[in-house]
Each structure stands twice: as structure tokens, then as C-alpha cells.
Amino acid sequence: MPLLLHLFVALATFAFMEFWAWFMHKYVQHGPLWVLHRSHHVRPSPRPFERNDWFFVIYGIISAVLFMTGDGGDRWWFWVGVGIAAYGSVYFFVHDGLIHGRLPFWKKTDSVYLRALNMAHKMHHKQQGRDHSEEFGLLWVSPKYLRLAREQAARRTERPEA
């Protein structure tokens, strides 16, 4: 399989994972698997490992199986595993690291996009229960939060220096 096709499969999988994560989050994690996801809506978390972290483990296992059976990149599903692993890595650093502060070295950002993403996620967590939440995706941000983040950034730059 040529390199460009490998990259296409990995990037297409990465992009699909955003839809898949939204769907699973909205209809499965806030549905029949709320028993696992509920731990994520309890703040502060009483333990470093939440029941919700099992979802990360499950997708890690799927990705690992695709790697191990993908003949070192000769099979197309190896590159699906690359896309899943890449999405999982981004998810971990952005969601768990930046938004929830589980990585002590990355607490704040000046990025309008990441601040908008953080706002959207806070709206999701505004509801402690299973129902009536909004904003179930990770990387796609509703335009209203991008607008709010831009407005906040503009206000910060307009403030006179003391």
C-alpha cells in the first residue's frame, strides 16, 4: 500500500473517530454505559483512575490488535489502528490533560480554539446527571463557543497595562 494511501486511511480514521466519539458519548456513555461514565462527571475525582478510563483502555486494545495483526503496515487495518491511536493520544492530552488538569504541566492556554473547547466541555459538565447534557464531541467546537472565546481574547488584549 503506498504511503499516501496509508496516510489517507490514518487521517480518515482520525476524522471518523471524532464522529464516533460524539456518538458513543451521547448515546452509549450517557445511555446504557452511564455506570462507567458517571465517574467522569464527579468532581473532584476521588481517584486517579476513573471507571470512565476503561473506555480509553478499550480503544487502546482495539488499536493494539489492529497493529499486531496488520503485518507491520502491510494491511490497511494497521493504519486504522494508527488513526485510532492518534485520536486517543490527542484525546488524552487535550481532554484529560488540559481540560481536566490531569497533567500538571499543562494547566492554561492562550489558544482561542482550546479555550472554546474548554468552555464547551464545561457546559457538558454543567449537568451532573446522565440527561440534558450538551456538547458531546471533543475536537469539533460549536461556533458559539468559538465566538465567545474570541470575544474573551479581544477583551483581554484591550485591557490597559498596569
C-alpha atoms as a PDB file:
ATOM      1  CA  MET A   1       0.000   0.000   0.000  1.00  0.00           C
ATOM      2  CA  PRO A   2       1.559   3.344  -0.977  1.00  0.00           C
ATOM      3  CA  LEU A   3       2.439   5.915   1.676  1.00  0.00           C
ATOM      4  CA  LEU A   4      -0.239   8.419   0.613  1.00  0.00           C
ATOM      5  CA  LEU A   5      -2.905   5.762   0.956  1.00  0.00           C
ATOM      6  CA  HIS A   6      -1.557   4.842   4.408  1.00  0.00           C
ATOM      7  CA  LEU A   7      -1.792   8.483   5.461  1.00  0.00           C
ATOM      8  CA  PHE A   8      -5.272   8.819   3.984  1.00  0.00           C
ATOM      9  CA  VAL A   9      -6.552   5.773   5.899  1.00  0.00           C
ATOM     10  CA  ALA A  10      -4.995   7.002   9.157  1.00  0.00           C
ATOM     11  CA  LEU A  11      -6.310  10.577   8.734  1.00  0.00           C
ATOM     12  CA  ALA A  12      -9.760   9.400   7.637  1.00  0.00           C
ATOM     13  CA  THR A  13      -9.910   7.140  10.689  1.00  0.00           C
ATOM     14  CA  PHE A  14      -8.817  10.028  12.922  1.00  0.00           C
ATOM     15  CA  ALA A  15     -11.590  12.220  11.464  1.00  0.00           C
ATOM     16  CA  PHE A  16     -14.168   9.435  11.787  1.00  0.00           C
ATOM     17  CA  MET A  17     -13.188   8.957  15.421  1.00  0.00           C
ATOM     18  CA  GLU A  18     -14.489  12.442  16.249  1.00  0.00           C
ATOM     19  CA  PHE A  19     -17.939  11.448  14.976  1.00  0.00           C
ATOM     20  CA  TRP A  20     -17.654   8.041  16.648  1.00  0.00           C
ATOM     21  CA  ALA A  21     -16.604   9.600  19.969  1.00  0.00           C
ATOM     22  CA  TRP A  22     -19.539  12.051  19.800  1.00  0.00           C
ATOM     23  CA  PHE A  23     -21.995   9.244  19.010  1.00  0.00           C
ATOM     24  CA  MET A  24     -20.650   6.905  21.700  1.00  0.00           C
ATOM     25  CA  HIS A  25     -20.518   9.692  24.260  1.00  0.00           C
ATOM     26  CA  LYS A  26     -24.064  10.890  23.622  1.00  0.00           C
ATOM     27  CA  TYR A  27     -25.884   7.608  23.089  1.00  0.00           C
ATOM     28  CA  VAL A  28     -23.804   4.964  24.882  1.00  0.00           C
ATOM     29  CA  GLN A  29     -21.843   6.662  27.667  1.00  0.00           C
ATOM     30  CA  HIS A  30     -24.829   8.825  28.600  1.00  0.00           C
ATOM     31  CA  GLY A  31     -27.034   5.798  27.981  1.00  0.00           C
ATOM     32  CA  PRO A  32     -26.503   2.137  28.840  1.00  0.00           C
ATOM     33  CA  LEU A  33     -22.852   2.584  29.916  1.00  0.00           C
ATOM     34  CA  TRP A  34     -23.554   5.505  32.250  1.00  0.00           C
ATOM     35  CA  VAL A  35     -22.468   3.146  35.042  1.00  0.00           C
ATOM     36  CA  LEU A  36     -18.873   3.596  33.759  1.00  0.00           C
ATOM     37  CA  HIS A  37     -19.103   7.194  32.521  1.00  0.00           C
ATOM     38  CA  ARG A  38     -20.730   8.579  35.689  1.00  0.00           C
ATOM     39  CA  SER A  39     -17.326   8.652  37.411  1.00  0.00           C
ATOM     40  CA  HIS A  40     -16.206  11.278  34.914  1.00  0.00           C
ATOM     41  CA  HIS A  41     -18.970  13.667  35.974  1.00  0.00           C
ATOM     42  CA  VAL A  42     -17.983  13.538  39.657  1.00  0.00           C
ATOM     43  CA  ARG A  43     -15.613  16.380  40.513  1.00  0.00           C
ATOM     44  CA  PRO A  44     -13.180  16.313  42.016  1.00  0.00           C
ATOM     45  CA  SER A  45     -12.463  12.727  41.135  1.00  0.00           C
ATOM     46  CA  PRO A  46     -11.737  10.705  44.278  1.00  0.00           C
ATOM     47  CA  ARG A  47      -9.191   8.507  42.471  1.00  0.00           C
ATOM     48  CA  PRO A  48      -6.506   8.974  39.821  1.00  0.00           C
ATOM     49  CA  PHE A  49      -8.122   6.220  37.715  1.00  0.00           C
ATOM     50  CA  GLU A  50     -11.848   6.631  36.995  1.00  0.00           C
ATOM     51  CA  ARG A  51     -14.215   3.941  35.779  1.00  0.00           C
ATOM     52  CA  ASN A  52     -14.619   6.147  32.709  1.00  0.00           C
ATOM     53  CA  ASP A  53     -10.948   5.488  31.870  1.00  0.00           C
ATOM     54  CA  TRP A  54     -11.959   1.971  30.797  1.00  0.00           C
ATOM     55  CA  PHE A  55     -13.145   3.499  27.515  1.00  0.00           C
ATOM     56  CA  PHE A  56      -9.565   4.627  26.856  1.00  0.00           C
ATOM     57  CA  VAL A  57      -8.320   1.113  27.660  1.00  0.00           C
ATOM     58  CA  ILE A  58     -10.910  -0.477  25.341  1.00  0.00           C
ATOM     59  CA  TYR A  59      -9.907   1.695  22.373  1.00  0.00           C
ATOM     60  CA  GLY A  60      -6.240   1.116  23.194  1.00  0.00           C
ATOM     61  CA  ILE A  61      -6.801  -2.643  23.000  1.00  0.00           C
ATOM     62  CA  ILE A  62      -8.648  -2.310  19.676  1.00  0.00           C
ATOM     63  CA  SER A  63      -5.810  -0.216  18.274  1.00  0.00           C
ATOM     64  CA  ALA A  64      -3.171  -2.641  19.578  1.00  0.00           C
ATOM     65  CA  VAL A  65      -4.941  -5.631  17.992  1.00  0.00           C
ATOM     66  CA  LEU A  66      -5.069  -3.772  14.666  1.00  0.00           C
ATOM     67  CA  PHE A  67      -1.325  -3.061  14.960  1.00  0.00           C
ATOM     68  CA  MET A  68      -0.435  -6.632  15.876  1.00  0.00           C
ATOM     69  CA  THR A  69      -2.456  -8.196  13.074  1.00  0.00           C
ATOM     70  CA  GLY A  70      -1.632  -5.554  10.446  1.00  0.00           C
ATOM     71  CA  ASP A  71       1.645  -7.103   9.251  1.00  0.00           C
ATOM     72  CA  GLY A  72       3.743  -4.071  10.200  1.00  0.00           C
ATOM     73  CA  GLY A  73       1.741  -1.748   7.969  1.00  0.00           C
ATOM     74  CA  ASP A  74       1.121  -4.048   5.022  1.00  0.00           C
ATOM     75  CA  ARG A  75      -2.573  -4.424   5.877  1.00  0.00           C
ATOM     76  CA  TRP A  76      -4.984  -1.484   5.687  1.00  0.00           C
ATOM     77  CA  TRP A  77      -6.293  -2.077   9.217  1.00  0.00           C
ATOM     78  CA  PHE A  78      -2.851  -1.352  10.656  1.00  0.00           C
ATOM     79  CA  TRP A  79      -3.406   2.249   9.513  1.00  0.00           C
ATOM     80  CA  VAL A  80      -6.886   2.279  11.024  1.00  0.00           C
ATOM     81  CA  GLY A  81      -5.116   1.408  14.272  1.00  0.00           C
ATOM     82  CA  VAL A  82      -2.750   4.335  13.716  1.00  0.00           C
ATOM     83  CA  GLY A  83      -5.728   6.688  13.307  1.00  0.00           C
ATOM     84  CA  ILE A  84      -7.429   5.359  16.444  1.00  0.00           C
ATOM     85  CA  ALA A  85      -4.199   5.622  18.447  1.00  0.00           C
ATOM     86  CA  ALA A  86      -3.555   9.162  17.187  1.00  0.00           C
ATOM     87  CA  TYR A  87      -7.082  10.248  18.124  1.00  0.00           C
ATOM     88  CA  GLY A  88      -6.711   8.602  21.526  1.00  0.00           C
ATOM     89  CA  SER A  89      -3.432  10.427  22.118  1.00  0.00           C
ATOM     90  CA  VAL A  90      -4.938  13.787  21.191  1.00  0.00           C
ATOM     91  CA  TYR A  91      -7.968  12.966  23.346  1.00  0.00           C
ATOM     92  CA  PHE A  92      -5.772  12.175  26.331  1.00  0.00           C
ATOM     93  CA  PHE A  93      -3.635  15.310  26.097  1.00  0.00           C
ATOM     94  CA  VAL A  94      -6.474  17.730  25.308  1.00  0.00           C
ATOM     95  CA  HIS A  95      -9.341  16.257  27.339  1.00  0.00           C
ATOM     96  CA  ASP A  96      -7.630  14.672  30.299  1.00  0.00           C
ATOM     97  CA  GLY A  97      -4.507  16.840  30.313  1.00  0.00           C
ATOM     98  CA  LEU A  98      -5.684  20.354  29.507  1.00  0.00           C
ATOM     99  CA  ILE A  99      -9.420  20.390  30.190  1.00  0.00           C
ATOM    100  CA  HIS A 100      -9.466  18.260  33.339  1.00  0.00           C
ATOM    101  CA  GLY A 101      -5.965  19.108  34.543  1.00  0.00           C
ATOM    102  CA  ARG A 102      -4.783  15.534  34.951  1.00  0.00           C
ATOM    103  CA  LEU A 103      -1.390  16.554  33.543  1.00  0.00           C
ATOM    104  CA  PRO A 104       0.165  19.076  35.934  1.00  0.00           C
ATOM    105  CA  PHE A 105       2.421  20.678  33.306  1.00  0.00           C
ATOM    106  CA  TRP A 106      -0.444  21.893  31.071  1.00  0.00           C
ATOM    107  CA  LYS A 107      -2.931  23.978  33.006  1.00  0.00           C
ATOM    108  CA  LYS A 108      -3.636  27.008  30.806  1.00  0.00           C
ATOM    109  CA  THR A 109      -3.541  28.052  27.187  1.00  0.00           C
ATOM    110  CA  ASP A 110      -3.948  31.247  25.190  1.00  0.00           C
ATOM    111  CA  SER A 111      -5.317  29.356  22.182  1.00  0.00           C
ATOM    112  CA  VAL A 112      -8.793  30.628  21.269  1.00  0.00           C
ATOM    113  CA  TYR A 113      -9.695  27.196  19.893  1.00  0.00           C
ATOM    114  CA  LEU A 114      -8.617  25.323  23.044  1.00  0.00           C
ATOM    115  CA  ARG A 115     -10.355  27.880  25.281  1.00  0.00           C
ATOM    116  CA  ALA A 116     -13.558  27.432  23.233  1.00  0.00           C
ATOM    117  CA  LEU A 117     -13.212  23.687  23.545  1.00  0.00           C
ATOM    118  CA  ASN A 118     -12.818  24.081  27.313  1.00  0.00           C
ATOM    119  CA  MET A 119     -15.962  26.260  27.505  1.00  0.00           C
ATOM    120  CA  ALA A 120     -17.978  23.709  25.559  1.00  0.00           C
ATOM    121  CA  HIS A 121     -16.776  20.929  27.815  1.00  0.00           C
ATOM    122  CA  LYS A 122     -17.675  22.912  30.921  1.00  0.00           C
ATOM    123  CA  MET A 123     -21.195  23.261  29.506  1.00  0.00           C
ATOM    124  CA  HIS A 124     -21.272  19.497  29.096  1.00  0.00           C
ATOM    125  CA  HIS A 125     -20.317  19.039  32.754  1.00  0.00           C
ATOM    126  CA  LYS A 126     -22.808  21.650  33.935  1.00  0.00           C
ATOM    127  CA  GLN A 127     -25.280  18.762  34.193  1.00  0.00           C
ATOM    128  CA  GLN A 128     -24.081  16.263  36.788  1.00  0.00           C
ATOM    129  CA  GLY A 129     -26.588  13.638  35.714  1.00  0.00           C
ATOM    130  CA  ARG A 130     -26.947  11.451  32.687  1.00  0.00           C
ATOM    131  CA  ASP A 131     -29.595  13.507  30.900  1.00  0.00           C
ATOM    132  CA  HIS A 132     -29.810  17.051  29.498  1.00  0.00           C
ATOM    133  CA  SER A 133     -26.101  17.470  28.725  1.00  0.00           C
ATOM    134  CA  GLU A 134     -24.870  19.179  25.575  1.00  0.00           C
ATOM    135  CA  GLU A 135     -21.601  19.315  23.619  1.00  0.00           C
ATOM    136  CA  PHE A 136     -20.592  15.651  23.357  1.00  0.00           C
ATOM    137  CA  GLY A 137     -17.672  15.931  20.921  1.00  0.00           C
ATOM    138  CA  LEU A 138     -14.006  16.503  21.634  1.00  0.00           C
ATOM    139  CA  LEU A 139     -12.340  18.372  18.780  1.00  0.00           C
ATOM    140  CA  TRP A 140     -15.307  19.908  16.969  1.00  0.00           C
ATOM    141  CA  VAL A 141     -16.368  23.079  18.769  1.00  0.00           C
ATOM    142  CA  SER A 142     -19.741  24.718  18.344  1.00  0.00           C
ATOM    143  CA  PRO A 143     -19.359  28.131  16.662  1.00  0.00           C
ATOM    144  CA  LYS A 144     -20.993  29.867  19.641  1.00  0.00           C
ATOM    145  CA  TYR A 145     -18.078  28.841  21.887  1.00  0.00           C
ATOM    146  CA  LEU A 146     -15.520  29.926  19.303  1.00  0.00           C
ATOM    147  CA  ARG A 147     -17.249  33.323  19.178  1.00  0.00           C
ATOM    148  CA  LEU A 148     -17.263  33.588  22.997  1.00  0.00           C
ATOM    149  CA  ALA A 149     -13.590  32.620  23.207  1.00  0.00           C
ATOM    150  CA  ARG A 150     -12.670  35.221  20.554  1.00  0.00           C
ATOM    151  CA  GLU A 151     -14.624  37.864  22.480  1.00  0.00           C
ATOM    152  CA  GLN A 152     -12.824  36.954  25.710  1.00  0.00           C
ATOM    153  CA  ALA A 153      -9.444  37.107  23.966  1.00  0.00           C
ATOM    154  CA  ALA A 154     -10.293  40.527  22.493  1.00  0.00           C
ATOM    155  CA  ARG A 155     -11.294  41.841  25.931  1.00  0.00           C
ATOM    156  CA  ARG A 156      -8.018  40.600  27.408  1.00  0.00           C
ATOM    157  CA  THR A 157      -5.968  42.393  24.744  1.00  0.00           C
ATOM    158  CA  GLU A 158      -7.990  45.617  25.120  1.00  0.00           C
ATOM    159  CA  ARG A 159      -7.217  45.934  28.841  1.00  0.00           C
ATOM    160  CA  PRO A 160      -4.652  48.645  29.545  1.00  0.00           C
ATOM    161  CA  GLU A 161      -1.356  47.515  31.013  1.00  0.00           C
ATOM    162  CA  ALA A 162      -0.919  48.420  34.700  1.00  0.00           C
END
